[in-house]
Amino acid sequence: MPKIIDHYKRKIKIAEATWKVIVDEGIEQATVRKIAKAAGLSVGALRHYFSTQSELLRFSMELVSDRVIQRVKKRKISDDQNPFDFVTEGVCEVLPTNEERKVEMEVWLAFSAKVLVDTTLRELSNKVYTDMHQGLGNVIHALQLLNLAKEGLDFEMEVNRLHAIVDGMAMHHLLNPEQFTREKMIQTLKYHLQSLCK
């Protein structure tokens, strides 16, 4: 009896192999040949799932975005949880606070640089930016709904500022983890969010 292959799981395996090559060697080294080897597949088998490198990169980046979105959607505040901590932990879902999120952010930054020279990836980059911006808008909105936010905040400006702070902190931590440690990143996030509260 022939072996049944779950094609979506195979695509995820290839995407995760792509992440590994990008993190270990850089996005310019993420060739179809290297990714196929990392995934334990032949080049021909990989081409069965992704006909071009851009298509493979696009799927790999969509998977990063989807995983972050799913993690955030699963979060529910418990009766005994401090609302401010709940909001803070929600933002931490997109920061490189553990190994999994560090890989996601490294891959995303590499992808972002690639977008500058590969315009076929621009649409996805714009979509992820918009999703992230809306997600951070939900953070500001949550502070308001939980009656934590100061009166009269400029909503759009605060979303823009939080987005810039999150991106900047992620980059600082990835590039200079000894100076801008995980602890400093979380302290800075809390300091900023507290500045928005009563």
Foldseek 3Di string as FASTA:
>chain_A
DDDDDDLVVLLVLLLVLLLVCCVVPNNVRSDLCSSCVSSVHHSVVVCVNPVDPVRSLLVSLVVLLVVLVVVLVPDDDDPPDDLLVSLLVSLCSCAPLDDVNLSSLSSVVRVVVVCVVDVVCVVVVVVSVVVQLVSLLVSLVSCVVVQFFDPPDPSNVLSVVLSVLRNVLRVCCSVPCVVCPSVNSSVVSSVVVNVRGD
